[in-house]
Amino acid sequence: MKKAICLLICLLLCLSFGCSQAKKSADAAPTKVPEAIRVDPVEETPEPVRQTPEPAAPQSAGDLQFDTVTLYGEPISSDIFHEYDLIVVNFWADWCGWCIYEMPSLERLHQEHPNVLILGVLTSPNSMEDSLAILKDNSITFPTLEPAGTLLGYAGKLQAFPTTLFFDSQGNECADPVIGAMDYDSWAATIEGLLP
């Protein structure tokens, strides 16, 4: 037991001696950092100011995108949409009497509204000769296209002829479709109602 008490006293003496030495060395620590380890603050150089703006993020493509030819072989693509306030896409077939019935009304609108692009899209033709004859007999000057690009997808979902879809200048669908033929007055009212 005496050994344990002696050992405990020795341990306490050692601890107190170590603490006092640590306090002395902390008191004796220099307040000035030696030159060899002092680091001067580095002046931050400001990043250069951009002289040209970042390019705008590309806009998403519209609902309607195509690159095709007219029935006369002239190239045409959806890149022309930005030139118009409204794009009217009329899907028709050369065996459809109602499609042919409304063509003169669409041609008149084409002539009266230079800010409206009217496009015919020929789907399921009997023959190219018949289709071209219909265009000629009705004096149609608005572009009539062979389906391509997203036009094919729209053509594949048609439930009746004619069907007409409406798009804005970005190629985004902007109104409910018209299924079936309309006369000139109905078409004029529809177009006027959709123009900005």
Protein backbone atom coordinates (compact mmCIF):
# COMPACT_ATOMS: atom_id res chain seq x y z
CA MET A 1 0.00 0.00 0.00
CA LYS A 2 2.89 2.30 0.82
CA LYS A 3 4.23 1.57 -2.61
CA ALA A 4 0.99 2.64 -4.22
CA ILE A 5 0.90 5.89 -2.25
CA CYS A 6 4.53 6.62 -3.11
CA LEU A 7 3.85 5.90 -6.75
CA LEU A 8 0.84 8.19 -6.75
CA ILE A 9 2.81 11.03 -5.14
CA CYS A 10 5.59 10.62 -7.71
CA LEU A 11 3.07 10.71 -10.50
CA LEU A 12 1.48 13.91 -9.19
CA LEU A 13 4.89 15.58 -8.85
CA CYS A 14 5.81 14.67 -12.42
CA LEU A 15 2.53 16.04 -13.74
CA SER A 16 2.83 19.31 -11.88
CA PHE A 17 6.45 19.73 -13.03
CA GLY A 18 5.42 19.11 -16.69
CA CYS A 19 2.56 21.63 -16.53
CA SER A 20 4.77 24.34 -15.07
CA GLN A 21 7.38 23.73 -17.81
CA ALA A 22 4.70 24.01 -20.51
CA LYS A 23 3.48 27.29 -18.98
CA LYS A 24 7.04 28.67 -18.89
CA SER A 25 7.69 27.76 -22.51
CA ALA A 26 4.31 29.26 -23.55
CA ASP A 27 5.20 32.48 -21.66
CA ALA A 28 8.59 32.53 -23.35
CA ALA A 29 7.14 32.10 -26.86
CA PRO A 30 8.02 34.98 -29.12
CA THR A 31 5.20 37.28 -30.12
CA LYS A 32 6.86 38.01 -33.46
CA VAL A 33 6.74 35.38 -36.20
CA PRO A 34 10.24 34.66 -37.50
CA GLU A 35 10.98 36.02 -40.99
CA ALA A 36 11.54 32.60 -42.46
CA ILE A 37 7.96 31.49 -41.90
CA ARG A 38 6.10 34.79 -42.25
CA VAL A 39 3.96 34.89 -45.38
CA ASP A 40 2.96 38.22 -46.82
CA PRO A 41 -0.63 38.32 -48.02
CA VAL A 42 -0.90 37.93 -51.78
CA GLU A 43 -2.85 40.62 -53.51
CA GLU A 44 -5.69 39.03 -55.39
CA THR A 45 -5.80 40.01 -59.03
CA PRO A 46 -9.35 40.68 -60.14
CA GLU A 47 -10.58 38.52 -62.98
CA PRO A 48 -10.71 40.34 -66.28
CA VAL A 49 -14.08 41.70 -67.27
CA ARG A 50 -15.57 39.98 -70.31
CA GLN A 51 -15.72 42.34 -73.24
CA THR A 52 -18.20 40.21 -75.19
CA PRO A 53 -21.38 38.77 -73.71
CA GLU A 54 -21.84 35.06 -73.29
CA PRO A 55 -23.73 33.56 -76.22
CA ALA A 56 -27.38 33.00 -75.47
CA ALA A 57 -28.39 29.46 -74.69
CA PRO A 58 -29.84 27.83 -77.77
CA GLN A 59 -33.60 27.90 -77.80
CA SER A 60 -35.39 24.67 -78.04
CA ALA A 61 -36.71 23.71 -81.40
CA GLY A 62 -40.40 24.26 -81.96
CA ASP A 63 -43.02 21.57 -82.35
CA LEU A 64 -42.83 21.80 -86.14
CA GLN A 65 -39.45 21.25 -87.82
CA PHE A 66 -38.85 20.13 -91.38
CA ASP A 67 -36.53 20.37 -94.35
CA THR A 68 -38.27 19.22 -97.53
CA VAL A 69 -39.33 20.25 -101.03
CA THR A 70 -42.55 21.51 -102.54
CA LEU A 71 -44.41 19.39 -105.08
CA TYR A 72 -42.52 21.42 -107.70
CA GLY A 73 -39.16 20.42 -106.23
CA GLU A 74 -38.32 23.76 -104.56
CA PRO A 75 -36.48 23.39 -101.22
CA ILE A 76 -38.25 24.71 -98.14
CA SER A 77 -37.61 24.38 -94.40
CA SER A 78 -39.03 25.55 -91.12
CA ASP A 79 -36.27 28.20 -90.99
CA ILE A 80 -38.66 30.60 -92.74
CA PHE A 81 -41.12 30.63 -89.83
CA HIS A 82 -39.58 33.71 -88.20
CA GLU A 83 -40.71 35.79 -91.20
CA TYR A 84 -44.38 35.22 -90.35
CA ASP A 85 -46.77 35.87 -87.47
CA LEU A 86 -48.76 32.68 -88.03
CA ILE A 87 -48.15 29.41 -89.87
CA VAL A 88 -51.19 27.50 -91.13
CA VAL A 89 -50.49 23.88 -92.14
CA ASN A 90 -53.27 22.23 -94.14
CA PHE A 91 -53.01 18.44 -94.58
CA TRP A 92 -54.93 17.22 -97.62
CA ALA A 93 -55.25 14.33 -100.07
CA ASP A 94 -55.94 14.48 -103.79
CA TRP A 95 -58.89 12.05 -103.45
CA CYS A 96 -60.57 14.26 -100.78
CA GLY A 97 -63.36 16.43 -102.26
CA TRP A 98 -63.60 18.66 -99.13
CA CYS A 99 -59.84 19.31 -99.29
CA ILE A 100 -60.18 20.58 -102.85
CA TYR A 101 -63.32 22.56 -101.95
CA GLU A 102 -61.49 24.74 -99.39
CA MET A 103 -58.31 25.32 -101.43
CA PRO A 104 -59.55 28.54 -103.12
CA SER A 105 -60.41 30.00 -99.68
CA LEU A 106 -56.91 29.21 -98.40
CA GLU A 107 -55.38 30.73 -101.53
CA ARG A 108 -57.40 33.93 -101.02
CA LEU A 109 -56.16 34.14 -97.42
CA HIS A 110 -52.63 33.57 -98.68
CA GLN A 111 -53.01 36.57 -101.00
CA GLU A 112 -54.64 38.83 -98.37
CA HIS A 113 -52.32 38.09 -95.43
CA PRO A 114 -48.61 38.38 -96.29
CA ASN A 115 -47.77 37.90 -92.58
CA VAL A 116 -49.44 34.44 -92.59
CA LEU A 117 -47.65 31.44 -94.09
CA ILE A 118 -50.08 28.91 -95.50
CA LEU A 119 -48.59 25.52 -96.25
CA GLY A 120 -50.34 22.62 -97.90
CA VAL A 121 -49.06 19.15 -97.05
CA LEU A 122 -50.02 16.42 -99.48
CA THR A 123 -50.63 13.11 -97.72
CA SER A 124 -51.67 9.82 -99.34
CA PRO A 125 -51.90 11.00 -102.94
CA ASN A 126 -53.46 8.89 -105.69
CA SER A 127 -50.79 10.21 -108.05
CA MET A 128 -48.45 13.18 -108.27
CA GLU A 129 -49.98 14.12 -111.66
CA ASP A 130 -53.47 14.32 -110.11
CA SER A 131 -52.16 16.39 -107.21
CA LEU A 132 -50.33 18.87 -109.44
CA ALA A 133 -53.41 19.16 -111.67
CA ILE A 134 -55.54 20.07 -108.62
CA LEU A 135 -53.07 22.81 -107.63
CA LYS A 136 -53.02 24.17 -111.18
CA ASP A 137 -56.81 24.03 -111.66
CA ASN A 138 -57.33 25.99 -108.41
CA SER A 139 -54.50 28.50 -109.09
CA ILE A 140 -52.78 27.57 -105.82
CA THR A 141 -49.61 29.59 -105.19
CA PHE A 142 -49.00 28.84 -101.50
CA PRO A 143 -46.33 26.15 -101.00
CA THR A 144 -47.54 22.57 -101.02
CA LEU A 145 -45.05 20.18 -99.45
CA GLU A 146 -44.12 16.57 -99.39
CA PRO A 147 -44.23 15.50 -95.74
CA ALA A 148 -40.86 15.33 -93.96
CA GLY A 149 -39.45 15.94 -90.48
CA THR A 150 -42.13 16.39 -87.83
CA LEU A 151 -44.72 16.78 -90.60
CA LEU A 152 -44.57 12.99 -90.93
CA GLY A 153 -45.47 12.58 -87.27
CA TYR A 154 -48.44 14.93 -87.58
CA ALA A 155 -49.58 13.24 -90.80
CA GLY A 156 -49.46 9.85 -89.08
CA LYS A 157 -51.90 11.02 -86.38
CA LEU A 158 -54.56 12.44 -88.72
CA GLN A 159 -58.08 11.15 -88.26
CA ALA A 160 -59.70 13.00 -91.16
CA PHE A 161 -58.99 15.12 -94.23
CA PRO A 162 -58.55 17.99 -94.37
CA THR A 163 -56.93 18.74 -91.01
CA THR A 164 -55.33 22.13 -90.37
CA LEU A 165 -52.80 22.95 -87.64
CA PHE A 166 -51.59 26.37 -86.43
CA PHE A 167 -48.08 27.37 -85.31
CA ASP A 168 -46.40 30.56 -84.13
CA SER A 169 -43.23 32.05 -85.59
CA GLN A 170 -41.12 29.70 -83.43
CA GLY A 171 -42.85 26.61 -84.80
CA ASN A 172 -44.85 25.95 -81.63
CA GLU A 173 -48.43 24.79 -81.95
CA CYS A 174 -50.61 27.71 -80.87
CA ALA A 175 -54.25 26.65 -81.36
CA ASP A 176 -56.51 23.64 -81.58
CA PRO A 177 -56.57 21.95 -84.98
CA VAL A 178 -59.44 22.41 -87.41
CA ILE A 179 -60.72 19.07 -88.63
CA GLY A 180 -62.78 19.30 -91.80
CA ALA A 181 -63.23 21.97 -94.44
CA MET A 182 -64.36 25.57 -93.89
CA ASP A 183 -65.55 28.31 -96.22
CA TYR A 184 -63.73 31.61 -96.72
CA ASP A 185 -65.60 33.57 -94.01
CA SER A 186 -64.94 30.91 -91.38
CA TRP A 187 -61.27 30.75 -92.37
CA ALA A 188 -60.91 34.55 -92.30
CA ALA A 189 -62.45 34.73 -88.81
CA THR A 190 -60.18 31.92 -87.57
CA ILE A 191 -57.03 33.55 -88.95
CA GLU A 192 -57.93 36.99 -87.60
CA GLY A 193 -58.58 35.48 -84.17
CA LEU A 194 -55.14 33.87 -84.08
CA LEU A 195 -53.03 36.80 -85.29
CA PRO A 196 -51.17 38.72 -82.55
